[in-house]
C-alpha atoms as a PDB file:
ATOM      1  CA  MET A   1      81.782  55.866   4.206  1.00  0.00           C
ATOM      2  CA  PRO A   2      78.572  57.098   5.532  1.00  0.00           C
ATOM      3  CA  ASP A   3      75.720  57.637   2.634  1.00  0.00           C
ATOM      4  CA  VAL A   4      76.869  61.149   2.291  1.00  0.00           C
ATOM      5  CA  PRO A   5      80.132  61.381   2.640  1.00  0.00           C
ATOM      6  CA  SER A   6      81.735  64.744   4.488  1.00  0.00           C
ATOM      7  CA  ILE A   7      82.941  66.418   1.849  1.00  0.00           C
ATOM      8  CA  VAL A   8      85.853  69.648   1.220  1.00  0.00           C
ATOM      9  CA  VAL A   9      86.901  70.287  -2.752  1.00  0.00           C
ATOM     10  CA  ILE A  10      90.083  72.067  -3.282  1.00  0.00           C
ATOM     11  CA  VAL A  11      90.076  74.108  -6.380  1.00  0.00           C
ATOM     12  CA  ASN A  12      93.192  75.109  -8.056  1.00  0.00           C
ATOM     13  CA  PRO A  13      92.551  78.514  -9.857  1.00  0.00           C
ATOM     14  CA  ASP A  14      95.086  77.974 -12.374  1.00  0.00           C
ATOM     15  CA  SER A  15      93.407  74.961 -13.732  1.00  0.00           C
ATOM     16  CA  ARG A  16      91.828  75.241 -17.401  1.00  0.00           C
ATOM     17  CA  ARG A  17      88.486  75.297 -16.111  1.00  0.00           C
ATOM     18  CA  PHE A  18      89.389  77.658 -13.461  1.00  0.00           C
ATOM     19  CA  ARG A  19      91.061  80.416 -15.528  1.00  0.00           C
ATOM     20  CA  ARG A  20      88.248  80.569 -18.312  1.00  0.00           C
ATOM     21  CA  GLY A  21      85.174  81.069 -15.896  1.00  0.00           C
ATOM     22  CA  ASN A  22      83.217  81.200 -12.663  1.00  0.00           C
ATOM     23  CA  HIS A  23      83.350  77.295 -12.211  1.00  0.00           C
ATOM     24  CA  GLU A  24      83.223  77.522  -8.691  1.00  0.00           C
ATOM     25  CA  SER A  25      79.647  78.585  -8.425  1.00  0.00           C
ATOM     26  CA  ILE A  26      78.634  76.090 -11.526  1.00  0.00           C
ATOM     27  CA  LEU A  27      80.122  73.583  -8.792  1.00  0.00           C
ATOM     28  CA  ARG A  28      78.241  74.702  -5.622  1.00  0.00           C
ATOM     29  CA  LYS A  29      75.152  74.193  -7.688  1.00  0.00           C
ATOM     30  CA  LEU A  30      75.881  70.829  -9.241  1.00  0.00           C
ATOM     31  CA  PHE A  31      76.100  69.937  -5.615  1.00  0.00           C
ATOM     32  CA  GLU A  32      73.115  71.137  -4.275  1.00  0.00           C
ATOM     33  CA  GLN A  33      70.775  69.882  -7.117  1.00  0.00           C
ATOM     34  CA  LYS A  34      72.297  66.483  -5.886  1.00  0.00           C
ATOM     35  CA  GLY A  35      71.633  66.951  -2.390  1.00  0.00           C
ATOM     36  CA  ILE A  36      75.753  66.526  -1.160  1.00  0.00           C
ATOM     37  CA  PRO A  37      76.511  68.697   1.422  1.00  0.00           C
ATOM     38  CA  VAL A  38      80.344  70.631   0.434  1.00  0.00           C
ATOM     39  CA  ASP A  39      82.472  73.069   1.745  1.00  0.00           C
ATOM     40  CA  ILE A  40      84.744  74.454  -1.651  1.00  0.00           C
ATOM     41  CA  ARG A  41      87.948  75.757  -0.808  1.00  0.00           C
ATOM     42  CA  ARG A  42      89.911  77.537  -3.357  1.00  0.00           C
ATOM     43  CA  SER A  43      93.640  77.270  -2.762  1.00  0.00           C
ATOM     44  CA  GLN A  44      96.810  80.155  -3.635  1.00  0.00           C
ATOM     45  CA  ASN A  45      99.093  77.542  -5.961  1.00  0.00           C
ATOM     46  CA  LEU A  46      99.483  73.910  -5.146  1.00  0.00           C
ATOM     47  CA  TRP A  47     101.252  73.727  -2.061  1.00  0.00           C
ATOM     48  CA  HIS A  48      98.752  75.669  -0.246  1.00  0.00           C
ATOM     49  CA  ALA A  49      95.958  72.904  -1.833  1.00  0.00           C
ATOM     50  CA  ARG A  50      98.549  70.464  -0.421  1.00  0.00           C
ATOM     51  CA  GLU A  51      98.220  71.852   2.745  1.00  0.00           C
ATOM     52  CA  MET A  52      94.597  72.601   2.713  1.00  0.00           C
ATOM     53  CA  ALA A  53      94.470  68.776   2.031  1.00  0.00           C
ATOM     54  CA  GLY A  54      96.341  68.017   5.377  1.00  0.00           C
ATOM     55  CA  GLU A  55      94.451  69.844   7.288  1.00  0.00           C
ATOM     56  CA  ALA A  56      90.738  68.927   5.365  1.00  0.00           C
ATOM     57  CA  ALA A  57      91.645  65.240   6.138  1.00  0.00           C
ATOM     58  CA  ARG A  58      91.589  65.238   9.872  1.00  0.00           C
ATOM     59  CA  ASN A  59      88.045  66.709   9.605  1.00  0.00           C
ATOM     60  CA  CYS A  60      86.064  64.908   6.645  1.00  0.00           C
ATOM     61  CA  ASN A  61      85.854  61.890   4.594  1.00  0.00           C
ATOM     62  CA  LEU A  62      86.391  62.709   1.486  1.00  0.00           C
ATOM     63  CA  VAL A  63      89.270  65.270   0.117  1.00  0.00           C
ATOM     64  CA  VAL A  64      88.237  66.445  -3.304  1.00  0.00           C
ATOM     65  CA  ALA A  65      91.340  67.512  -6.212  1.00  0.00           C
ATOM     66  CA  ALA A  66      89.206  70.211  -8.883  1.00  0.00           C
ATOM     67  CA  GLY A  67      92.269  70.377 -11.281  1.00  0.00           C
ATOM     68  CA  GLY A  68      94.369  68.117 -13.341  1.00  0.00           C
ATOM     69  CA  ASP A  69      97.168  65.380 -12.712  1.00  0.00           C
ATOM     70  CA  GLY A  70      98.833  67.995 -11.181  1.00  0.00           C
ATOM     71  CA  THR A  71      96.957  68.859  -8.180  1.00  0.00           C
ATOM     72  CA  VAL A  72      95.784  65.288  -7.909  1.00  0.00           C
ATOM     73  CA  ARG A  73      99.383  64.621  -6.957  1.00  0.00           C
ATOM     74  CA  TYR A  74      99.284  67.547  -4.485  1.00  0.00           C
ATOM     75  CA  LEU A  75      96.641  66.233  -2.543  1.00  0.00           C
ATOM     76  CA  ALA A  76      97.682  62.517  -3.002  1.00  0.00           C
ATOM     77  CA  CYS A  77     101.002  63.559  -1.594  1.00  0.00           C
ATOM     78  CA  GLU A  78      99.687  65.009   1.516  1.00  0.00           C
ATOM     79  CA  LEU A  79      96.661  61.881   1.624  1.00  0.00           C
ATOM     80  CA  ARG A  80      98.975  59.061   1.430  1.00  0.00           C
ATOM     81  CA  GLY A  81      98.357  56.273   3.993  1.00  0.00           C
ATOM     82  CA  ALA A  82      95.317  58.933   5.576  1.00  0.00           C
ATOM     83  CA  GLU A  83      91.957  57.694   6.535  1.00  0.00           C
ATOM     84  CA  ALA A  84      90.349  60.245   4.210  1.00  0.00           C
ATOM     85  CA  VAL A  85      89.485  58.826   0.678  1.00  0.00           C
ATOM     86  CA  LEU A  86      90.820  61.304  -2.837  1.00  0.00           C
ATOM     87  CA  GLY A  87      88.396  62.353  -4.982  1.00  0.00           C
ATOM     88  CA  VAL A  88      88.712  63.775  -8.349  1.00  0.00           C
ATOM     89  CA  LEU A  89      86.754  66.243 -10.433  1.00  0.00           C
ATOM     90  CA  PRO A  90      88.673  66.351 -13.603  1.00  0.00           C
ATOM     91  CA  MET A  91      88.918  70.360 -14.078  1.00  0.00           C
ATOM     92  CA  GLY A  92      92.691  70.718 -15.363  1.00  0.00           C
ATOM     93  CA  SER A  93      94.079  70.802 -18.933  1.00  0.00           C
ATOM     94  CA  GLY A  94      95.326  67.158 -18.445  1.00  0.00           C
ATOM     95  CA  ASN A  95      93.000  64.373 -16.709  1.00  0.00           C
ATOM     96  CA  ASP A  96      94.532  61.522 -17.998  1.00  0.00           C
ATOM     97  CA  LEU A  97      94.513  59.586 -14.334  1.00  0.00           C
ATOM     98  CA  CYS A  98      90.611  59.636 -14.839  1.00  0.00           C
ATOM     99  CA  THR A  99      90.326  57.530 -17.119  1.00  0.00           C
ATOM    100  CA  ALA A 100      92.465  54.713 -15.565  1.00  0.00           C
ATOM    101  CA  LEU A 101      90.109  55.704 -12.160  1.00  0.00           C
ATOM    102  CA  GLU A 102      86.933  55.903 -14.786  1.00  0.00           C
ATOM    103  CA  ILE A 103      85.690  58.953 -14.111  1.00  0.00           C
ATOM    104  CA  PRO A 104      83.791  60.628 -16.466  1.00  0.00           C
ATOM    105  CA  TYR A 105      85.175  64.117 -17.632  1.00  0.00           C
ATOM    106  CA  GLN A 106      81.760  65.929 -17.715  1.00  0.00           C
ATOM    107  CA  LEU A 107      81.583  67.497 -14.213  1.00  0.00           C
ATOM    108  CA  ASP A 108      77.946  66.435 -13.359  1.00  0.00           C
ATOM    109  CA  ARG A 109      79.053  62.607 -13.821  1.00  0.00           C
ATOM    110  CA  ALA A 110      81.780  63.268 -12.182  1.00  0.00           C
ATOM    111  CA  VAL A 111      80.424  64.606  -8.768  1.00  0.00           C
ATOM    112  CA  ASP A 112      78.123  61.582  -8.990  1.00  0.00           C
ATOM    113  CA  ILE A 113      81.079  59.477  -8.683  1.00  0.00           C
ATOM    114  CA  LEU A 114      82.073  60.999  -5.292  1.00  0.00           C
ATOM    115  CA  ARG A 115      78.690  60.262  -3.856  1.00  0.00           C
ATOM    116  CA  ASP A 116      77.782  56.639  -5.811  1.00  0.00           C
ATOM    117  CA  GLY A 117      81.563  55.456  -7.264  1.00  0.00           C
ATOM    118  CA  ARG A 118      83.991  52.518  -5.066  1.00  0.00           C
ATOM    119  CA  CYS A 119      86.606  53.322  -3.060  1.00  0.00           C
ATOM    120  CA  ARG A 120      89.915  51.896  -3.831  1.00  0.00           C
ATOM    121  CA  LYS A 121      93.565  51.666  -2.885  1.00  0.00           C
ATOM    122  CA  MET A 122      95.724  53.381  -5.314  1.00  0.00           C
ATOM    123  CA  ASP A 123      99.303  52.817  -5.604  1.00  0.00           C
ATOM    124  CA  PHE A 124     101.416  56.060  -5.340  1.00  0.00           C
ATOM    125  CA  GLY A 125     104.941  56.207  -7.240  1.00  0.00           C
ATOM    126  CA  MET A 126     108.095  57.646  -4.347  1.00  0.00           C
ATOM    127  CA  ILE A 127     110.687  59.533  -6.062  1.00  0.00           C
ATOM    128  CA  LYS A 128     113.574  59.956  -4.093  1.00  0.00           C
ATOM    129  CA  GLY A 129     114.357  63.613  -3.223  1.00  0.00           C
ATOM    130  CA  TYR A 130     111.209  65.120  -4.593  1.00  0.00           C
ATOM    131  CA  ASP A 131     107.797  63.555  -3.616  1.00  0.00           C
ATOM    132  CA  GLY A 132     106.316  61.415  -5.917  1.00  0.00           C
ATOM    133  CA  PHE A 133     103.248  61.064  -8.810  1.00  0.00           C
ATOM    134  CA  VAL A 134      99.921  59.407  -9.220  1.00  0.00           C
ATOM    135  CA  ASN A 135     100.278  59.070 -12.925  1.00  0.00           C
ATOM    136  CA  THR A 136     103.331  59.264 -15.239  1.00  0.00           C
ATOM    137  CA  LEU A 137     107.057  60.225 -14.644  1.00  0.00           C
ATOM    138  CA  GLY A 138     108.837  61.628 -17.690  1.00  0.00           C
ATOM    139  CA  ILE A 139     112.463  61.700 -17.793  1.00  0.00           C
ATOM    140  CA  GLY A 140     114.287  62.654 -21.469  1.00  0.00           C
ATOM    141  CA  PHE A 141     112.452  64.125 -24.377  1.00  0.00           C
ATOM    142  CA  ASP A 142     108.693  63.285 -22.230  1.00  0.00           C
ATOM    143  CA  GLY A 143     110.112  65.076 -19.484  1.00  0.00           C
ATOM    144  CA  LEU A 144     110.966  68.047 -21.825  1.00  0.00           C
ATOM    145  CA  VAL A 145     107.226  67.519 -23.229  1.00  0.00           C
ATOM    146  CA  GLY A 146     105.677  67.657 -20.179  1.00  0.00           C
ATOM    147  CA  TYR A 147     107.942  70.841 -19.251  1.00  0.00           C
ATOM    148  CA  GLU A 148     106.516  72.974 -22.060  1.00  0.00           C
ATOM    149  CA  ALA A 149     103.186  71.996 -22.676  1.00  0.00           C
ATOM    150  CA  GLY A 150     101.975  72.898 -19.473  1.00  0.00           C
ATOM    151  CA  ARG A 151     103.455  76.536 -20.126  1.00  0.00           C
ATOM    152  CA  ILE A 152     101.206  76.779 -23.129  1.00  0.00           C
ATOM    153  CA  ARG A 153      97.699  78.317 -22.259  1.00  0.00           C
ATOM    154  CA  SER A 154      96.639  78.823 -25.782  1.00  0.00           C
ATOM    155  CA  LEU A 155      96.109  74.922 -26.085  1.00  0.00           C
ATOM    156  CA  ARG A 156      94.794  72.081 -24.360  1.00  0.00           C
ATOM    157  CA  GLY A 157      94.799  68.065 -23.989  1.00  0.00           C
ATOM    158  CA  MET A 158      96.696  66.280 -26.599  1.00  0.00           C
ATOM    159  CA  LEU A 159      96.740  69.192 -28.931  1.00  0.00           C
ATOM    160  CA  LYS A 160      99.278  71.385 -26.947  1.00  0.00           C
ATOM    161  CA  TYR A 161     100.951  67.874 -26.323  1.00  0.00           C
ATOM    162  CA  THR A 162     101.184  67.399 -29.730  1.00  0.00           C
ATOM    163  CA  TRP A 163     102.609  71.113 -30.700  1.00  0.00           C
ATOM    164  CA  VAL A 164     105.630  70.808 -28.065  1.00  0.00           C
ATOM    165  CA  THR A 165     106.780  67.633 -29.743  1.00  0.00           C
ATOM    166  CA  LEU A 166     106.566  68.564 -33.454  1.00  0.00           C
ATOM    167  CA  LYS A 167     108.284  71.454 -32.570  1.00  0.00           C
ATOM    168  CA  HIS A 168     111.389  69.816 -30.044  1.00  0.00           C
ATOM    169  CA  ILE A 169     111.181  66.287 -32.012  1.00  0.00           C
ATOM    170  CA  PHE A 170     113.802  67.380 -34.633  1.00  0.00           C
ATOM    171  CA  SER A 171     116.391  68.636 -32.721  1.00  0.00           C
ATOM    172  CA  TYR A 172     116.119  66.955 -29.533  1.00  0.00           C
ATOM    173  CA  ARG A 173     119.324  64.912 -28.209  1.00  0.00           C
ATOM    174  CA  SER A 174     119.258  61.389 -26.390  1.00  0.00           C
ATOM    175  CA  SER A 175     121.171  60.707 -23.786  1.00  0.00           C
ATOM    176  CA  ILE A 176     123.063  57.699 -22.762  1.00  0.00           C
ATOM    177  CA  MET A 177     121.157  56.207 -19.911  1.00  0.00           C
ATOM    178  CA  THR A 178     121.696  53.722 -17.120  1.00  0.00           C
ATOM    179  CA  ILE A 179     118.638  51.960 -16.063  1.00  0.00           C
ATOM    180  CA  THR A 180     118.072  49.236 -13.353  1.00  0.00           C
ATOM    181  CA  LEU A 181     115.039  47.573 -12.877  1.00  0.00           C
ATOM    182  CA  ASP A 182     114.303  45.807  -9.608  1.00  0.00           C
ATOM    183  CA  GLY A 183     118.436  45.076  -9.540  1.00  0.00           C
ATOM    184  CA  LYS A 184     118.415  44.642 -13.713  1.00  0.00           C
ATOM    185  CA  VAL A 185     120.308  46.873 -15.619  1.00  0.00           C
ATOM    186  CA  ILE A 186     120.142  48.359 -19.161  1.00  0.00           C
ATOM    187  CA  ARG A 187     122.571  51.129 -20.669  1.00  0.00           C
ATOM    188  CA  ASP A 188     121.546  52.290 -23.924  1.00  0.00           C
ATOM    189  CA  CYS A 189     120.835  55.444 -25.463  1.00  0.00           C
ATOM    190  CA  MET A 190     117.714  56.714 -25.055  1.00  0.00           C
ATOM    191  CA  LEU A 191     114.950  58.882 -26.769  1.00  0.00           C
ATOM    192  CA  MET A 192     112.924  59.251 -23.149  1.00  0.00           C
ATOM    193  CA  VAL A 193     111.714  56.555 -20.483  1.00  0.00           C
ATOM    194  CA  THR A 194     108.240  57.179 -18.991  1.00  0.00           C
ATOM    195  CA  ILE A 195     107.561  55.471 -15.635  1.00  0.00           C
ATOM    196  CA  ALA A 196     103.923  55.090 -15.026  1.00  0.00           C
ATOM    197  CA  ASN A 197     101.333  54.159 -12.823  1.00  0.00           C
ATOM    198  CA  GLY A 198      98.546  54.870 -14.764  1.00  0.00           C
ATOM    199  CA  PRO A 199      98.300  53.995 -18.658  1.00  0.00           C
ATOM    200  CA  MET A 200      97.928  57.183 -20.727  1.00  0.00           C
ATOM    201  CA  GLU A 201      99.389  60.769 -20.400  1.00  0.00           C
ATOM    202  CA  GLY A 202     100.022  64.151 -22.833  1.00  0.00           C
ATOM    203  CA  GLY A 203      95.826  64.573 -23.093  1.00  0.00           C
ATOM    204  CA  GLY A 204      94.927  61.016 -23.964  1.00  0.00           C
ATOM    205  CA  ILE A 205      98.488  59.695 -25.663  1.00  0.00           C
ATOM    206  CA  ARG A 206      98.391  56.004 -24.286  1.00  0.00           C
ATOM    207  CA  VAL A 207     102.135  55.849 -23.205  1.00  0.00           C
ATOM    208  CA  ALA A 208     101.889  52.414 -21.319  1.00  0.00           C
ATOM    209  CA  PRO A 209      98.577  50.659 -22.441  1.00  0.00           C
ATOM    210  CA  SER A 210      99.408  47.915 -19.857  1.00  0.00           C
ATOM    211  CA  ALA A 211      99.845  50.626 -16.595  1.00  0.00           C
ATOM    212  CA  ASP A 212      97.350  49.736 -13.735  1.00  0.00           C
ATOM    213  CA  PRO A 213      97.262  51.807 -10.375  1.00  0.00           C
ATOM    214  CA  PHE A 214      96.122  48.985  -8.595  1.00  0.00           C
ATOM    215  CA  ASP A 215      98.617  46.548  -9.488  1.00  0.00           C
ATOM    216  CA  GLY A 216     101.038  46.765  -6.864  1.00  0.00           C
ATOM    217  CA  PHE A 217     103.671  47.932 -10.135  1.00  0.00           C
ATOM    218  CA  LEU A 218     104.968  50.595 -12.173  1.00  0.00           C
ATOM    219  CA  ASP A 219     105.182  50.076 -15.982  1.00  0.00           C
ATOM    220  CA  VAL A 220     108.815  51.520 -17.296  1.00  0.00           C
ATOM    221  CA  VAL A 221     108.563  52.662 -20.381  1.00  0.00           C
ATOM    222  CA  MET A 222     111.723  53.071 -22.306  1.00  0.00           C
ATOM    223  CA  ILE A 223     112.620  54.606 -25.898  1.00  0.00           C
ATOM    224  CA  ARG A 224     116.123  53.617 -27.520  1.00  0.00           C
ATOM    225  CA  ASP A 225     117.417  56.594 -29.648  1.00  0.00           C
ATOM    226  CA  LEU A 226     116.475  56.865 -33.094  1.00  0.00           C
ATOM    227  CA  ASN A 227     116.556  58.897 -36.372  1.00  0.00           C
ATOM    228  CA  MET A 228     114.094  61.450 -37.243  1.00  0.00           C
ATOM    229  CA  ILE A 229     112.038  59.710 -40.088  1.00  0.00           C
ATOM    230  CA  ARG A 230     111.836  56.911 -37.736  1.00  0.00           C
ATOM    231  CA  ARG A 231     110.758  59.452 -34.612  1.00  0.00           C
ATOM    232  CA  ILE A 232     108.356  61.414 -36.601  1.00  0.00           C
ATOM    233  CA  ILE A 233     106.935  57.294 -37.083  1.00  0.00           C
ATOM    234  CA  LEU A 234     107.229  56.347 -33.398  1.00  0.00           C
ATOM    235  CA  PHE A 235     105.356  59.571 -32.818  1.00  0.00           C
ATOM    236  CA  LEU A 236     102.496  59.121 -34.780  1.00  0.00           C
ATOM    237  CA  ARG A 237     102.011  55.513 -34.139  1.00  0.00           C
ATOM    238  CA  ILE A 238     101.620  56.267 -30.410  1.00  0.00           C
ATOM    239  CA  LEU A 239      99.126  58.833 -31.410  1.00  0.00           C
ATOM    240  CA  ILE A 240      97.039  56.642 -32.588  1.00  0.00           C
ATOM    241  CA  GLY A 241      97.072  53.712 -29.948  1.00  0.00           C
ATOM    242  CA  LEU A 242      99.755  51.849 -31.694  1.00  0.00           C
ATOM    243  CA  PRO A 243     102.852  49.996 -29.591  1.00  0.00           C
ATOM    244  CA  PRO A 244     106.453  51.057 -31.430  1.00  0.00           C
ATOM    245  CA  GLY A 245     107.639  47.574 -30.242  1.00  0.00           C
ATOM    246  CA  PRO A 246     110.739  46.175 -29.800  1.00  0.00           C
ATOM    247  CA  PRO A 247     113.617  46.689 -30.419  1.00  0.00           C
ATOM    248  CA  VAL A 248     112.345  50.578 -30.361  1.00  0.00           C
ATOM    249  CA  MET A 249     110.503  50.485 -27.058  1.00  0.00           C
ATOM    250  CA  GLU A 250     110.478  47.919 -24.071  1.00  0.00           C
ATOM    251  CA  SER A 251     108.377  47.953 -20.985  1.00  0.00           C
ATOM    252  CA  ARG A 252     108.799  46.448 -17.797  1.00  0.00           C
ATOM    253  CA  LYS A 253     106.703  46.180 -14.367  1.00  0.00           C
ATOM    254  CA  VAL A 254     109.070  46.791 -11.508  1.00  0.00           C
ATOM    255  CA  ARG A 255     108.818  47.754  -8.230  1.00  0.00           C
ATOM    256  CA  SER A 256     111.954  50.242  -8.322  1.00  0.00           C
ATOM    257  CA  ILE A 257     114.170  51.677 -10.842  1.00  0.00           C
ATOM    258  CA  SER A 258     116.960  54.087 -11.033  1.00  0.00           C
ATOM    259  CA  VAL A 259     117.928  56.003 -13.629  1.00  0.00           C
ATOM    260  CA  GLN A 260     121.555  57.634 -14.569  1.00  0.00           C
ATOM    261  CA  SER A 261     122.157  60.018 -17.023  1.00  0.00           C
ATOM    262  CA  GLU A 262     125.337  60.906 -18.768  1.00  0.00           C
ATOM    263  CA  SER A 263     123.669  64.155 -20.167  1.00  0.00           C
ATOM    264  CA  PRO A 264     120.869  66.588 -17.705  1.00  0.00           C
ATOM    265  CA  VAL A 265     117.741  65.672 -19.238  1.00  0.00           C
ATOM    266  CA  TYR A 266     114.360  67.260 -18.615  1.00  0.00           C
ATOM    267  CA  ALA A 267     112.067  65.414 -15.967  1.00  0.00           C
ATOM    268  CA  HIS A 268     108.172  66.098 -15.430  1.00  0.00           C
ATOM    269  CA  ALA A 269     106.118  64.672 -12.815  1.00  0.00           C
ATOM    270  CA  ASP A 270     102.404  63.918 -13.793  1.00  0.00           C
ATOM    271  CA  GLY A 271     102.863  67.172 -15.733  1.00  0.00           C
ATOM    272  CA  GLU A 272     104.748  69.723 -13.566  1.00  0.00           C
ATOM    273  CA  LEU A 273     108.496  69.961 -13.652  1.00  0.00           C
ATOM    274  CA  LEU A 274     110.634  67.955 -11.747  1.00  0.00           C
ATOM    275  CA  ASP A 275     114.027  69.096 -12.672  1.00  0.00           C
ATOM    276  CA  LYS A 276     115.637  70.773 -16.342  1.00  0.00           C
ATOM    277  CA  GLU A 277     119.187  68.634 -15.279  1.00  0.00           C
ATOM    278  CA  LEU A 278     118.861  65.254 -14.246  1.00  0.00           C
ATOM    279  CA  THR A 279     121.209  63.182 -13.982  1.00  0.00           C
ATOM    280  CA  SER A 280     120.106  61.000 -11.470  1.00  0.00           C
ATOM    281  CA  LEU A 281     116.651  59.231  -9.829  1.00  0.00           C
ATOM    282  CA  GLU A 282     115.173  56.865  -7.831  1.00  0.00           C
ATOM    283  CA  VAL A 283     112.110  55.233  -7.760  1.00  0.00           C
ATOM    284  CA  HIS A 284     109.703  52.732  -6.032  1.00  0.00           C
ATOM    285  CA  VAL A 285     105.910  51.928  -5.529  1.00  0.00           C
ATOM    286  CA  GLU A 286     104.318  52.444  -2.933  1.00  0.00           C
ATOM    287  CA  PRO A 287     101.661  49.729  -3.298  1.00  0.00           C
ATOM    288  CA  GLN A 288      97.815  50.952  -2.400  1.00  0.00           C
ATOM    289  CA  SER A 289      98.720  53.342  -0.580  1.00  0.00           C
ATOM    290  CA  VAL A 290      96.039  56.036  -1.203  1.00  0.00           C
ATOM    291  CA  GLN A 291      92.223  55.815  -0.822  1.00  0.00           C
ATOM    292  CA  VAL A 292      90.651  56.936  -4.014  1.00  0.00           C
ATOM    293  CA  MET A 293      87.301  57.193  -5.487  1.00  0.00           C
ATOM    294  CA  THR A 294      86.480  55.574  -8.488  1.00  0.00           C
ATOM    295  CA  GLY A 295      83.785  54.358 -11.048  1.00  0.00           C
ATOM    296  CA  PRO A 296      81.343  51.895  -9.121  1.00  0.00           C
ATOM    297  CA  TYR A 297      82.151  49.372 -12.056  1.00  0.00           C
ATOM    298  CA  LEU A 298      86.231  49.816 -12.078  1.00  0.00           C
ATOM    299  CA  LYS A 299      87.691  46.532 -11.364  1.00  0.00           C
ATOM    300  CA  SER A 300      90.815  46.836 -13.028  1.00  0.00           C
ATOM    301  CA  ILE A 301      92.841  48.340 -15.902  1.00  0.00           C
ATOM    302  CA  LYS A 302      93.460  45.897 -19.411  1.00  0.00           C
END
């Protein structure tokens, strides 16, 4: 990549920061101050952003998602296998992938990463029939929380995920699921199943601490059904960063996973609704399929 890359920034106008002010002009000033040529383009919606990314990738070195994890997901779907590199400016309500990529939340420092960062090949989670995801895919209770949190405009980050969790944690009904992990079958009543490429979701909740978007695997976190008191304890432990541990939670690193649910459940991909009545899902990892800019010192997530 040349010293001064050709950069196209695609903004999601529905992201939190863009809704609250004229951050396009702020971005332009930041790039001008740093002497970085940039072409900032506003999308109409996430599907339009994806189309714009495909077009930009044919003519520039670096295509940047200015938004949250959902925006990054749509651009990454288009840039899989492309020579163009994906950049990220954290401007959404959920920017959990940025932590895994060592991209600071401060816009000024995040712009520096686009110039001074390190290009690495990131894994991508492919979902049969649904495109894919870059950070997490949530099934069951996780899917419901991700969907409802995405509809809330008055709160942001971990606060809104906490609110939605407390709203539904007593009433949610778990489902019998048959989960196949690289050929090994697990069948149980599950509260939720999270398939993770990155370690965090929900504005900072470390749901899969060992997940590494560069290791060629997906981390599958399965949480079995619990009574009401144990659900609250589980949530508080996850919220403060303590793993629930066996037998409540089981975690595996896999390359492929299928989930069959006896009851229809919610599912989200990077905070975007995937399905409200999901009964079957197949996922596999595409190792090193998306080139992405990371912090210059990032080696691996531990």
